[in-house]
Amino acid sequence: MKEELKDELNDLPFLKKMKEQSASGLQVPKHYFKHLPDEVLRKAKEPVPQPVRQPSWLERVEQIVASWLQPRYALAYASVLALVVAGIWFLNKGVSEANQPMAAVSLQEISDEELFAYVSDNISDFDHDLVMETAGPELPEIKPQVKTKPSLPKMAAPKPEVEEMEKYIDEVIDEIDVEDLEELF
């Protein structure tokens, strides 16, 4: 079996060519040693590419800040800042105006009719307990009256019979035209 394998391997063209070359020994290409020094000098004179230096994190931060300070970005930041300042100023102006004291008006200057009209119109805004406390003990406590809605007399609705309902549905279906159905859908 080993002999058969050897015979098969020997018959391969690639292996035959290798055997022939090894029989003659190692072969060097023609004029190899003549051109070798020139080739070595040429490769030695070629510039060696320098590895690309990665910027440090501080340099990257400086680059980002420098890009933010370009005129187009700087103008955008300045306009946003101006809008924020104006908004805060307007909001504070509105709050400060609301905190200004109202003109002092004494109760003697307001007539009884005006007071009564105001209280009548805005009675729901007053706290009941606060009004009672302010009025003092000389006024009797008035309990609010609860209005009840009048109730309608209950009547039993007549229950239609199944035959009557079917007859009514048949009549309604007969009255509907195809054109009416098309308009609905």
Protein backbone atom coordinates (compact mmCIF):
# COMPACT_ATOMS: atom_id res chain seq x y z
CA MET A 1 0.00 0.00 0.00
CA LYS A 2 2.86 2.37 0.83
CA GLU A 3 4.44 1.61 -2.47
CA GLU A 4 1.26 2.48 -4.35
CA LEU A 5 1.08 5.82 -2.59
CA LYS A 6 4.69 6.56 -3.43
CA ASP A 7 4.06 5.75 -7.07
CA GLU A 8 1.03 8.03 -7.18
CA LEU A 9 2.94 10.87 -5.58
CA ASN A 10 5.84 10.44 -7.95
CA ASP A 11 3.46 10.76 -10.89
CA LEU A 12 2.33 14.25 -9.86
CA PRO A 13 3.86 16.92 -12.17
CA PHE A 14 4.53 19.44 -9.39
CA LEU A 15 6.48 16.94 -7.30
CA LYS A 16 8.48 15.79 -10.35
CA LYS A 17 9.53 19.39 -11.04
CA MET A 18 10.62 19.86 -7.42
CA LYS A 19 12.71 16.70 -7.55
CA GLU A 20 14.49 17.91 -10.68
CA GLN A 21 15.27 21.28 -9.10
CA SER A 22 16.53 19.73 -5.86
CA ALA A 23 18.74 17.37 -7.80
CA SER A 24 20.60 20.31 -9.36
CA GLY A 25 20.82 22.07 -5.95
CA LEU A 26 19.64 25.52 -4.93
CA GLN A 27 19.45 27.98 -7.76
CA VAL A 28 19.88 31.72 -7.39
CA PRO A 29 18.43 34.05 -10.00
CA LYS A 30 20.90 35.29 -12.60
CA HIS A 31 22.88 38.43 -11.54
CA TYR A 32 21.30 38.33 -8.05
CA PHE A 33 24.45 39.20 -6.16
CA LYS A 34 25.42 41.84 -8.72
CA HIS A 35 22.17 43.80 -8.09
CA LEU A 36 21.91 43.07 -4.34
CA PRO A 37 23.98 46.05 -3.05
CA ASP A 38 22.08 48.50 -5.24
CA GLU A 39 18.76 47.12 -4.01
CA VAL A 40 19.85 47.37 -0.36
CA LEU A 41 21.02 51.00 -0.83
CA ARG A 42 17.80 51.95 -2.60
CA LYS A 43 15.70 50.58 0.24
CA ALA A 44 17.90 52.27 2.83
CA LYS A 45 17.49 55.67 1.13
CA GLU A 46 13.70 55.44 1.02
CA PRO A 47 12.13 57.63 3.68
CA VAL A 48 10.64 55.64 6.50
CA PRO A 49 7.03 56.66 7.03
CA GLN A 50 6.58 58.17 10.47
CA PRO A 51 3.72 56.81 12.52
CA VAL A 52 0.80 59.20 12.77
CA ARG A 53 0.74 60.78 16.22
CA GLN A 54 -2.63 60.71 17.93
CA PRO A 55 -3.53 64.02 19.60
CA SER A 56 -3.85 63.97 23.37
CA TRP A 57 -7.20 64.56 25.04
CA LEU A 58 -6.19 68.13 25.88
CA GLU A 59 -5.36 68.85 22.23
CA ARG A 60 -8.73 67.38 21.18
CA VAL A 61 -10.53 69.62 23.69
CA GLU A 62 -8.62 72.64 22.35
CA GLN A 63 -9.70 71.70 18.80
CA ILE A 64 -13.35 71.44 19.86
CA VAL A 65 -13.26 74.79 21.66
CA ALA A 66 -11.53 76.39 18.68
CA SER A 67 -14.25 75.05 16.36
CA TRP A 68 -16.96 76.46 18.67
CA LEU A 69 -15.34 79.88 18.54
CA GLN A 70 -15.61 80.14 14.78
CA PRO A 71 -17.64 83.22 13.79
CA ARG A 72 -20.75 81.38 12.68
CA TYR A 73 -21.00 79.45 15.94
CA ALA A 74 -20.00 82.41 18.08
CA LEU A 75 -22.80 84.51 16.53
CA ALA A 76 -25.32 81.73 17.14
CA TYR A 77 -24.27 81.43 20.79
CA ALA A 78 -24.40 85.20 21.25
CA SER A 79 -27.93 85.42 19.80
CA VAL A 80 -29.18 82.54 21.99
CA LEU A 81 -27.63 84.21 25.03
CA ALA A 82 -29.28 87.53 24.10
CA LEU A 83 -32.68 85.80 23.79
CA VAL A 84 -32.27 84.11 27.17
CA VAL A 85 -31.30 87.39 28.86
CA ALA A 86 -34.22 89.23 27.22
CA GLY A 87 -36.64 86.48 28.29
CA ILE A 88 -35.44 86.60 31.89
CA TRP A 89 -35.65 90.40 31.90
CA PHE A 90 -39.24 90.38 30.56
CA LEU A 91 -40.31 87.67 33.02
CA ASN A 92 -38.78 89.53 35.96
CA LYS A 93 -40.34 92.80 34.80
CA GLY A 94 -43.80 91.17 34.77
CA VAL A 95 -43.27 89.70 38.25
CA SER A 96 -42.04 92.99 39.69
CA GLU A 97 -45.09 94.83 38.28
CA ALA A 98 -47.37 92.24 39.87
CA ASN A 99 -45.68 92.80 43.24
CA GLN A 100 -46.32 96.57 43.14
CA PRO A 101 -48.88 97.59 45.80
CA MET A 102 -52.28 98.57 44.46
CA ALA A 103 -53.55 102.05 45.04
CA ALA A 104 -54.96 102.26 48.53
CA VAL A 105 -58.72 102.75 48.53
CA SER A 106 -60.59 103.08 51.74
CA LEU A 107 -63.90 101.31 52.26
CA GLN A 108 -65.55 104.66 53.00
CA GLU A 109 -64.99 105.66 49.35
CA ILE A 110 -66.97 102.66 48.04
CA SER A 111 -70.72 102.85 48.25
CA ASP A 112 -72.82 100.13 49.92
CA GLU A 113 -74.49 99.31 46.60
CA GLU A 114 -71.13 98.69 44.89
CA LEU A 115 -69.98 96.48 47.77
CA PHE A 116 -73.23 94.52 47.73
CA ALA A 117 -73.03 94.07 43.93
CA TYR A 118 -69.41 92.90 44.13
CA VAL A 119 -70.12 90.39 46.90
CA SER A 120 -73.24 89.12 45.12
CA ASP A 121 -71.34 88.60 41.86
CA ASN A 122 -68.33 86.93 43.51
CA ILE A 123 -69.87 85.05 46.44
CA SER A 124 -68.46 81.73 45.24
CA ASP A 125 -64.90 83.13 45.58
CA PHE A 126 -65.26 83.75 49.32
CA ASP A 127 -64.43 81.13 51.92
CA HIS A 128 -67.55 80.47 54.01
CA ASP A 129 -65.65 79.95 57.30
CA LEU A 130 -63.59 83.12 56.79
CA VAL A 131 -66.72 85.18 56.14
CA MET A 132 -68.38 83.80 59.26
CA GLU A 133 -65.28 84.49 61.35
CA THR A 134 -65.04 88.05 60.04
CA ALA A 135 -68.74 88.75 60.56
CA GLY A 136 -68.50 87.93 64.25
CA PRO A 137 -71.07 86.45 66.60
CA GLU A 138 -73.75 89.12 66.09
CA LEU A 139 -74.85 87.63 62.74
CA PRO A 140 -76.83 84.40 62.82
CA GLU A 141 -75.37 81.51 60.90
CA ILE A 142 -77.10 81.07 57.58
CA LYS A 143 -77.11 77.64 56.12
CA PRO A 144 -76.99 77.52 52.36
CA GLN A 145 -80.13 76.23 50.78
CA VAL A 146 -79.75 73.25 48.56
CA LYS A 147 -81.87 73.48 45.48
CA THR A 148 -83.41 70.26 44.36
CA LYS A 149 -84.37 69.58 40.85
CA PRO A 150 -88.01 68.82 40.29
CA SER A 151 -88.45 65.19 39.43
CA LEU A 152 -90.63 64.01 36.63
CA PRO A 153 -93.23 61.40 37.36
CA LYS A 154 -91.96 57.96 36.50
CA MET A 155 -93.90 56.30 33.78
CA ALA A 156 -93.36 52.83 32.53
CA ALA A 157 -92.41 52.84 28.88
CA PRO A 158 -94.40 50.42 26.81
CA LYS A 159 -92.35 47.47 25.64
CA PRO A 160 -92.79 46.78 21.94
CA GLU A 161 -93.44 43.26 20.90
CA VAL A 162 -90.94 41.36 18.77
CA GLU A 163 -93.40 41.06 15.86
CA GLU A 164 -94.02 44.82 15.87
CA MET A 165 -90.27 45.54 15.87
CA GLU A 166 -89.67 43.15 12.95
CA LYS A 167 -92.55 44.70 10.99
CA TYR A 168 -91.13 48.21 11.63
CA ILE A 169 -87.63 47.16 10.50
CA ASP A 170 -89.05 45.58 7.32
CA GLU A 171 -90.94 48.81 6.52
CA VAL A 172 -87.84 50.96 7.03
CA ILE A 173 -85.68 48.67 4.89
CA ASP A 174 -88.29 48.74 2.09
CA GLU A 175 -88.28 52.55 2.14
CA ILE A 176 -84.48 52.86 1.79
CA ASP A 177 -83.27 53.31 -1.79
CA VAL A 178 -80.01 51.93 -3.14
CA GLU A 179 -78.92 55.51 -3.87
CA ASP A 180 -79.43 56.48 -0.21
CA LEU A 181 -77.27 53.56 0.88
CA GLU A 182 -74.53 54.57 -1.58
CA GLU A 183 -74.58 58.12 -0.19
CA LEU A 184 -74.18 56.76 3.34
CA PHE A 185 -71.20 54.64 2.44
